[in-house]
Protein backbone atom coordinates (compact mmCIF):
# COMPACT_ATOMS: atom_id res chain seq x y z
CA MET A 1 76.90 101.83 -157.20
CA LEU A 2 76.86 98.07 -157.51
CA ALA A 3 74.54 97.79 -154.59
CA SER A 4 71.99 100.01 -156.29
CA PHE A 5 71.37 97.30 -158.85
CA THR A 6 70.00 95.06 -156.22
CA ALA A 7 68.24 97.95 -154.46
CA CYS A 8 66.39 98.62 -157.66
CA ALA A 9 65.32 94.94 -157.89
CA TYR A 10 63.93 95.01 -154.22
CA ALA A 11 62.26 98.37 -154.95
CA GLU A 12 60.39 96.88 -157.92
CA LEU A 13 59.43 93.72 -156.27
CA VAL A 14 58.36 95.03 -152.88
CA THR A 15 56.18 97.87 -154.48
CA LYS A 16 54.74 95.25 -156.87
CA TYR A 17 54.16 92.68 -154.08
CA PRO A 18 53.99 94.69 -150.82
CA GLN A 19 53.87 91.75 -148.41
CA ALA A 20 56.34 90.52 -145.84
CA ALA A 21 58.72 87.59 -146.55
CA GLY A 22 61.24 89.30 -148.79
CA ALA A 23 63.29 87.16 -151.10
CA ALA A 24 61.43 83.95 -150.33
CA LEU A 25 58.13 85.47 -151.50
CA TYR A 26 59.65 86.74 -154.73
CA VAL A 27 61.39 83.49 -155.56
CA ASN A 28 58.20 81.53 -154.78
CA LYS A 29 56.20 83.68 -157.06
CA ALA A 30 58.79 83.45 -159.81
CA PHE A 31 59.64 79.73 -159.72
CA LYS A 32 56.72 78.09 -157.96
CA SER A 33 59.04 75.62 -156.24
CA PRO A 34 58.78 75.04 -152.52
CA PHE A 35 62.37 73.54 -152.37
CA ILE A 36 63.91 76.69 -154.05
CA THR A 37 61.73 78.90 -151.83
CA PHE A 38 62.96 77.14 -148.75
CA MET A 39 66.61 77.20 -149.70
CA VAL A 40 66.46 80.95 -150.41
CA ALA A 41 64.81 81.43 -146.97
CA PHE A 42 67.39 79.21 -145.33
CA ALA A 43 70.22 81.13 -146.95
CA VAL A 44 68.84 84.36 -145.57
CA MET A 45 68.55 82.77 -142.14
CA ALA A 46 72.12 81.34 -142.31
CA SER A 47 73.44 84.77 -143.47
CA GLY A 48 71.94 86.23 -140.35
CA VAL A 49 73.54 83.69 -138.00
CA THR A 50 77.01 83.99 -139.64
CA SER A 51 76.70 87.77 -139.43
CA ALA A 52 75.88 87.58 -135.70
CA SER A 53 78.78 85.20 -135.29
CA ALA A 54 81.10 87.58 -136.90
CA LEU A 55 79.85 90.35 -134.76
CA ALA A 56 80.33 88.24 -131.62
CA ARG A 57 83.95 87.68 -132.67
CA ALA A 58 84.42 91.42 -133.30
CA PHE A 59 82.94 92.13 -129.88
CA SER A 60 85.62 90.13 -128.11
CA GLY A 61 88.46 92.07 -129.97
CA ASP A 62 90.21 95.38 -129.35
CA TYR A 63 87.20 97.18 -128.11
CA PHE A 64 86.48 94.68 -125.34
CA LYS A 65 90.17 94.38 -124.55
CA GLN A 66 90.01 97.99 -123.35
CA PHE A 67 88.30 96.57 -120.23
CA LEU A 68 89.41 92.97 -119.88
CA ASP A 69 91.98 90.91 -121.75
CA ALA A 70 90.00 87.62 -121.90
CA PRO A 71 90.00 84.73 -124.35
CA THR A 72 88.33 85.66 -127.58
CA ILE A 73 86.09 82.58 -127.85
CA ALA A 74 85.00 82.76 -124.19
CA VAL A 75 84.00 86.42 -124.55
CA SER A 76 82.23 85.77 -127.93
CA LEU A 77 80.16 82.87 -126.50
CA VAL A 78 79.14 84.86 -123.35
CA PHE A 79 78.12 87.69 -125.63
CA ILE A 80 75.98 85.43 -128.00
CA GLY A 81 74.46 84.01 -124.79
CA LEU A 82 73.31 87.40 -123.64
CA VAL A 83 71.84 88.14 -127.06
CA THR A 84 69.98 84.90 -126.84
CA LEU A 85 68.47 85.82 -123.50
CA ILE A 86 67.20 89.16 -124.92
CA ASN A 87 65.81 87.29 -127.87
CA LEU A 88 64.03 84.95 -125.52
CA ARG A 89 62.61 87.74 -123.50
CA GLY A 90 60.49 88.93 -126.20
CA ILE A 91 60.22 91.03 -129.47
CA ALA A 92 59.13 94.21 -127.65
CA GLU A 93 62.11 94.21 -125.39
CA SER A 94 64.36 93.34 -128.30
CA VAL A 95 63.09 96.15 -130.46
CA LYS A 96 63.45 98.71 -127.62
CA THR A 97 66.95 97.57 -127.08
CA ASN A 98 67.66 97.73 -130.82
CA ALA A 99 66.32 101.32 -130.99
CA ALA A 100 68.58 102.53 -128.17
CA PHE A 101 71.61 100.77 -129.60
CA THR A 102 71.06 102.22 -133.05
CA LEU A 103 71.13 105.81 -131.61
CA ILE A 104 74.36 105.18 -129.72
CA GLU A 105 75.83 103.54 -132.93
CA VAL A 106 75.07 106.54 -135.19
CA GLY A 107 76.43 108.87 -132.53
CA GLY A 108 79.68 106.94 -132.53
CA LEU A 109 79.94 107.19 -136.32
CA LEU A 110 79.35 110.88 -136.26
CA LEU A 111 81.98 111.34 -133.59
CA ILE A 112 84.51 109.64 -135.88
CA ILE A 113 83.56 112.10 -138.66
CA LEU A 114 84.01 114.99 -136.34
CA ILE A 115 87.46 113.75 -135.32
CA GLY A 116 88.29 113.69 -139.07
CA PHE A 117 87.22 117.28 -139.77
CA LEU A 118 89.03 118.61 -136.78
CA ALA A 119 92.25 116.71 -137.63
CA LEU A 120 92.08 118.00 -141.17
CA ALA A 121 91.51 121.58 -140.03
CA GLY A 122 94.30 121.30 -137.59
CA GLY A 123 96.76 120.03 -140.16
CA ASP A 124 97.15 116.55 -138.36
CA ALA A 125 95.46 114.58 -141.19
CA GLU A 126 96.88 113.27 -144.41
CA PRO A 127 94.22 113.28 -147.18
CA SER A 128 96.53 111.46 -149.66
CA ARG A 129 96.22 108.18 -147.50
CA ALA A 130 92.58 107.91 -148.60
CA LEU A 131 93.93 106.43 -151.87
CA GLU A 132 96.54 104.15 -150.34
CA PHE A 133 96.18 100.36 -150.25
CA LYS A 134 97.44 97.98 -147.65
CA GLU A 135 101.13 97.12 -148.16
CA GLY A 136 101.51 94.20 -150.57
CA ALA A 137 97.87 94.40 -151.73
CA THR A 138 97.07 94.38 -155.49
CA PRO A 139 94.78 97.46 -156.14
CA PHE A 140 92.26 95.69 -158.37
CA LEU A 141 91.90 92.78 -155.95
CA ALA A 142 91.68 95.17 -152.97
CA ILE A 143 88.94 97.20 -154.57
CA LEU A 144 87.10 93.97 -155.57
CA GLY A 145 87.45 92.58 -152.07
CA GLY A 146 86.21 95.88 -150.66
CA THR A 147 83.24 95.82 -153.11
CA THR A 148 82.39 92.26 -152.03
CA LEU A 149 82.60 93.04 -148.22
CA ALA A 150 80.41 96.17 -148.86
CA PHE A 151 77.47 93.79 -149.57
CA TYR A 152 77.66 92.85 -145.94
CA ALA A 153 75.87 96.07 -145.09
CA LEU A 154 72.95 95.09 -147.32
CA LEU A 155 71.50 92.41 -145.09
CA GLY A 156 69.00 95.17 -144.04
CA PHE A 157 67.31 94.86 -147.49
CA GLU A 158 65.43 91.76 -146.17
CA ASP A 159 64.62 93.41 -142.87
CA SER A 160 63.20 96.53 -144.64
CA VAL A 161 60.90 94.64 -147.13
CA ASN A 162 59.28 92.83 -144.22
CA VAL A 163 57.75 95.97 -142.94
CA ALA A 164 56.79 97.47 -146.31
CA GLU A 165 53.20 96.38 -145.95
CA GLU A 166 52.87 98.51 -142.69
CA THR A 167 53.21 101.65 -144.81
CA LYS A 168 50.22 103.56 -146.21
CA ASP A 169 51.59 103.75 -149.78
CA PRO A 170 54.45 101.33 -150.36
CA ALA A 171 54.69 102.12 -154.06
CA ARG A 172 55.68 105.71 -153.12
CA ALA A 173 57.18 105.35 -149.64
CA PHE A 174 59.45 102.28 -150.05
CA PRO A 175 61.65 103.47 -152.96
CA ARG A 176 62.23 106.72 -151.18
CA ALA A 177 63.05 105.01 -147.89
CA LEU A 178 65.32 102.41 -149.58
CA PHE A 179 67.31 104.70 -151.84
CA GLY A 180 67.34 107.53 -149.15
CA GLY A 181 68.64 105.05 -146.57
CA LEU A 182 71.15 103.57 -149.01
CA LEU A 183 72.43 107.12 -149.88
CA ALA A 184 72.58 108.21 -146.19
CA ALA A 185 74.40 105.03 -145.13
CA GLY A 186 76.79 105.30 -148.14
CA VAL A 187 77.66 108.95 -147.22
CA ILE A 188 78.25 108.16 -143.64
CA TYR A 189 80.39 105.09 -144.28
CA MET A 190 82.34 106.93 -146.96
CA LEU A 191 83.03 109.84 -144.62
CA VAL A 192 84.07 107.32 -141.84
CA THR A 193 86.38 105.53 -144.18
CA VAL A 194 88.02 108.64 -145.54
CA THR A 195 88.29 109.97 -142.00
CA ALA A 196 90.00 106.82 -140.71
CA SER A 197 92.45 106.75 -143.61
CA MET A 198 93.46 110.37 -143.15
CA VAL A 199 94.03 110.13 -139.56
CA VAL A 200 95.59 106.70 -139.19
CA GLU A 201 98.16 104.89 -141.45
CA THR A 202 96.63 102.30 -143.77
CA ASN A 203 98.65 99.28 -142.51
CA GLN A 204 97.73 100.22 -138.90
CA LEU A 205 94.04 100.28 -139.74
CA ALA A 206 94.26 97.04 -141.80
CA ASN A 207 95.94 95.09 -138.88
CA SER A 208 93.42 96.21 -136.30
CA ASP A 209 90.09 94.46 -135.43
CA GLY A 210 89.12 97.77 -133.82
CA PRO A 211 90.05 100.37 -136.51
CA LEU A 212 87.81 103.09 -135.34
CA LEU A 213 89.55 102.89 -131.94
CA GLU A 214 92.80 103.66 -133.70
CA VAL A 215 91.12 106.79 -135.08
CA VAL A 216 90.16 107.98 -131.60
CA LYS A 217 93.72 107.28 -130.35
CA GLU A 218 95.29 109.45 -133.00
CA GLY A 219 92.49 112.12 -133.13
CA PRO A 220 92.57 115.57 -131.60
CA LEU A 221 89.64 115.36 -129.28
CA GLY A 222 91.17 113.30 -126.52
CA ILE A 223 88.12 111.03 -126.08
CA PRO A 224 88.65 108.39 -123.41
CA LEU A 225 89.32 105.05 -125.30
CA ARG A 226 86.94 103.19 -122.92
CA LEU A 227 84.12 105.65 -123.63
CA PHE A 228 84.42 105.02 -127.45
CA SER A 229 84.86 101.25 -126.86
CA VAL A 230 81.52 101.19 -125.07
CA ILE A 231 79.92 102.88 -128.01
CA ALA A 232 81.42 100.32 -130.39
CA LEU A 233 80.36 97.38 -128.31
CA PHE A 234 76.74 98.71 -128.31
CA ALA A 235 76.89 98.95 -132.08
CA LEU A 236 78.20 95.34 -132.40
CA ALA A 237 75.52 94.09 -130.01
CA ASN A 238 72.86 95.94 -132.04
CA GLY A 239 73.74 94.13 -135.20
CA ALA A 240 74.00 90.76 -133.62
CA LEU A 241 70.60 91.14 -131.87
CA ILE A 242 68.90 92.19 -135.06
CA ASN A 243 70.42 89.24 -137.07
CA MET A 244 69.49 86.65 -134.43
CA ILE A 245 65.95 87.92 -134.13
CA MET A 246 65.58 87.67 -137.92
CA ALA A 247 67.10 84.16 -138.12
CA SER A 248 65.12 82.69 -135.35
CA ARG A 249 61.75 84.03 -136.62
CA LEU A 250 62.59 82.67 -140.06
CA VAL A 251 63.13 79.19 -138.69
CA TYR A 252 59.93 79.39 -136.70
CA GLY A 253 57.97 80.57 -139.72
CA MET A 254 59.35 77.70 -141.93
CA SER A 255 58.35 75.23 -139.18
CA ASN A 256 54.84 76.61 -139.15
CA GLN A 257 54.58 76.03 -142.88
CA GLY A 258 55.79 72.48 -142.55
CA ILE A 259 59.01 72.82 -144.46
CA VAL A 260 61.29 72.13 -141.45
CA PRO A 261 60.53 69.71 -138.51
CA GLY A 262 57.61 70.65 -136.31
CA PHE A 263 59.96 70.82 -133.31
CA PHE A 264 60.84 74.37 -134.20
CA ARG A 265 57.32 75.58 -133.53
CA LYS A 266 57.87 75.23 -129.76
CA VAL A 267 57.55 78.47 -127.85
CA LEU A 268 58.70 79.54 -124.38
CA PRO A 269 55.75 79.31 -121.90
CA GLY A 270 54.63 82.71 -120.72
CA ARG A 271 56.83 84.70 -123.05
CA ARG A 272 55.53 82.91 -126.31
CA THR A 273 58.88 83.53 -128.00
CA PRO A 274 60.09 80.76 -130.47
CA SER A 275 62.36 79.03 -128.07
CA ALA A 276 63.30 76.02 -130.18
CA ALA A 277 64.17 78.20 -133.13
CA ILE A 278 66.11 80.61 -130.96
CA LEU A 279 68.08 77.86 -129.48
CA PHE A 280 68.77 76.26 -132.77
CA THR A 281 70.15 79.47 -134.38
CA THR A 282 72.12 80.12 -131.09
CA ALA A 283 73.75 76.54 -131.39
CA LEU A 284 74.63 77.24 -134.95
CA ALA A 285 76.16 80.54 -134.00
CA VAL A 286 78.20 78.80 -131.24
CA VAL A 287 79.64 76.34 -133.75
CA LEU A 288 80.48 79.12 -136.15
CA ILE A 289 82.16 81.20 -133.44
CA ILE A 290 84.33 78.41 -132.29
CA THR A 291 85.35 77.27 -135.84
CA GLY A 292 85.66 80.57 -137.70
CA GLN A 293 87.74 83.75 -137.66
CA LEU A 294 86.14 87.16 -138.11
CA ASP A 295 87.09 87.59 -141.66
CA VAL A 296 86.02 84.16 -142.66
CA LEU A 297 82.54 84.56 -141.07
CA ALA A 298 82.13 87.97 -142.64
CA ASP A 299 82.98 86.68 -146.10
CA THR A 300 80.57 83.67 -145.65
CA THR A 301 77.77 85.98 -144.76
CA VAL A 302 78.50 87.96 -147.94
CA MET A 303 78.63 84.92 -150.09
CA LEU A 304 75.17 83.74 -148.88
CA LEU A 305 73.67 87.20 -149.47
CA LEU A 306 75.06 87.35 -152.90
CA LEU A 307 73.43 84.08 -153.81
CA VAL A 308 70.15 85.46 -152.43
CA PHE A 309 70.56 88.70 -154.34
CA ALA A 310 71.31 86.87 -157.53
CA MET A 311 67.96 85.05 -157.17
CA VAL A 312 66.09 88.30 -156.42
CA ASN A 313 67.42 89.96 -159.54
CA VAL A 314 66.51 86.96 -161.68
CA SER A 315 63.03 86.94 -160.09
CA VAL A 316 62.44 90.53 -161.20
CA LEU A 317 62.95 89.45 -164.78
CA VAL A 318 60.78 86.32 -164.54
CA LEU A 319 57.93 88.22 -162.75
CA ARG A 320 57.78 90.89 -165.55
CA LYS A 321 55.16 88.53 -167.17
CA ASP A 322 53.06 88.81 -164.07
CA PRO A 323 51.35 92.25 -164.36
CA VAL A 324 49.56 93.78 -161.20
CA GLU A 325 46.76 96.24 -161.28
CA HIS A 326 48.31 98.94 -159.05
CA GLU A 327 51.33 101.16 -160.06
CA HIS A 328 54.69 100.25 -158.83
CA PHE A 329 58.42 101.13 -159.26
CA LYS A 330 59.96 99.60 -162.29
CA ALA A 331 63.72 99.21 -162.65
CA PRO A 332 65.38 99.57 -165.99
CA THR A 333 65.72 96.06 -167.33
CA LEU A 334 69.47 96.31 -167.57
CA LEU A 335 69.85 96.85 -163.86
CA PRO A 336 68.54 93.49 -162.55
CA VAL A 337 70.51 91.78 -165.28
CA LEU A 338 73.65 93.48 -164.13
CA GLY A 339 72.76 92.84 -160.52
CA ALA A 340 72.50 89.07 -161.19
CA ILE A 341 75.76 88.95 -163.07
CA VAL A 342 77.60 91.07 -160.54
CA SER A 343 76.37 88.97 -157.60
CA LEU A 344 77.35 85.71 -159.20
CA ALA A 345 80.67 87.19 -160.31
CA LEU A 346 81.52 88.31 -156.79
CA VAL A 347 80.57 84.79 -155.49
CA THR A 348 83.51 83.44 -157.35
CA GLN A 349 85.93 85.76 -155.44
CA ASN A 350 86.19 83.54 -152.44
CA THR A 351 88.61 81.04 -150.94
CA ALA A 352 87.95 77.30 -150.53
CA GLU A 353 87.20 77.79 -146.78
CA ILE A 354 84.42 80.13 -147.57
CA TYR A 355 82.88 77.89 -150.16
CA ILE A 356 83.03 74.91 -147.76
CA ARG A 357 81.57 76.82 -144.77
CA ALA A 358 78.65 78.22 -146.97
CA GLY A 359 78.19 74.86 -148.53
CA ILE A 360 77.90 73.09 -145.15
CA LEU A 361 75.29 75.64 -144.07
CA LEU A 362 73.21 75.11 -147.16
CA ALA A 363 73.70 71.35 -146.80
CA ILE A 364 72.05 71.66 -143.34
CA GLY A 365 69.11 73.14 -145.05
CA VAL A 366 68.95 70.35 -147.58
CA ALA A 367 69.15 67.91 -144.68
CA PHE A 368 66.22 69.60 -142.88
CA TRP A 369 64.17 69.34 -146.05
CA ILE A 370 64.89 65.60 -146.46
CA VAL A 371 64.21 64.76 -142.82
CA ASN A 372 60.97 66.65 -142.95
CA ARG A 373 59.82 64.77 -146.00
CA LEU A 374 60.94 61.39 -144.50
CA THR A 375 59.17 62.05 -141.18
CA GLY A 376 55.82 62.98 -142.89
CA GLY A 377 56.09 66.74 -143.30
CA SER A 378 54.08 68.23 -146.02
CA PRO A 379 55.70 71.20 -147.65
CA ARG A 380 53.54 72.85 -150.23
CA GLU A 381 53.54 75.81 -152.66
CA MET A 382 53.02 78.77 -150.40
CA ASP A 383 51.05 81.86 -151.09
CA GLU A 384 51.85 85.43 -149.89
CA ARG A 385 49.91 85.17 -146.60
CA GLU A 386 51.53 81.99 -145.57
CA LEU A 387 55.07 83.24 -146.32
CA ALA A 388 54.39 86.45 -144.48
CA ALA A 389 53.13 84.50 -141.45
């Protein structure tokens, strides 16, 4: 429900301004400040890298240990290295890999739901556990924490708006796709969550970094654990690849616009992929993997996203004074107001470690801005075409 506030904000803005660039475009149009635009774009980039780092940490957990009990950091670093090689290979190869991994990922989630239905039909499930909380957890704080973490799944908002201009009628097609996708994802995730809690005890799920594997262990289908682990590993790789592609292309685009040092415009000979930007985002991911635990990285991703979402919701209200000639989706005024308030309120629900980590990432962005100005860079107010590029 809370996610729908921000979804409505994106639906209004993308149908009003159907160009690529997402939050950076909307903030740029609303505030006309190159620095604010850059910081929002940098926050989106940083959220992609922290997300990929969290997924790399998850990759090395219980799923991977079905095959080899190796050090977590070593496996995570090898994993992010393989993702980097695919990213360097080219966007066509990356997209094909992503499409294949997505099909495997959805198949795995549907398999979990099937296990739940069969366990319930066979009397092996306990529906009352769906309302249980982890032992020692305060219900209100647990719900609030779950709500905050749910925003982790909304990184795709930025990915989706960047392809809106490819549709024939964005004003009609995008809201349907956005809300339809949000509904479908919500239903699938809710069914998976309820299934997991019915089949496996709450504390057992909470203490595992491979909770769906626990469902397979307890379920009635007798699926080989290694088979499901492969499915889960493909899903984690899929998310990491998407995020690293997005992050590296953002850095490359900002370099093209003169708002980060020109070094990041370098491309790989032959492949023409943005090698400097890819290596920078990979180096950042390596540092995050080495210094952060899975839960810390996930929470940092969410915090950065919430800051971006707050700016997007405020931009909706500011840009109401900027009419356009074509018809577009218009959210009830209350929704972006609530979206901004909720996003900022959830930002406050973090530990000091999360604030410090997110602050350091944003400080890197400020440093890039300053270095670029001192070395003769010329950031400027960007129009839609420049941002989309």
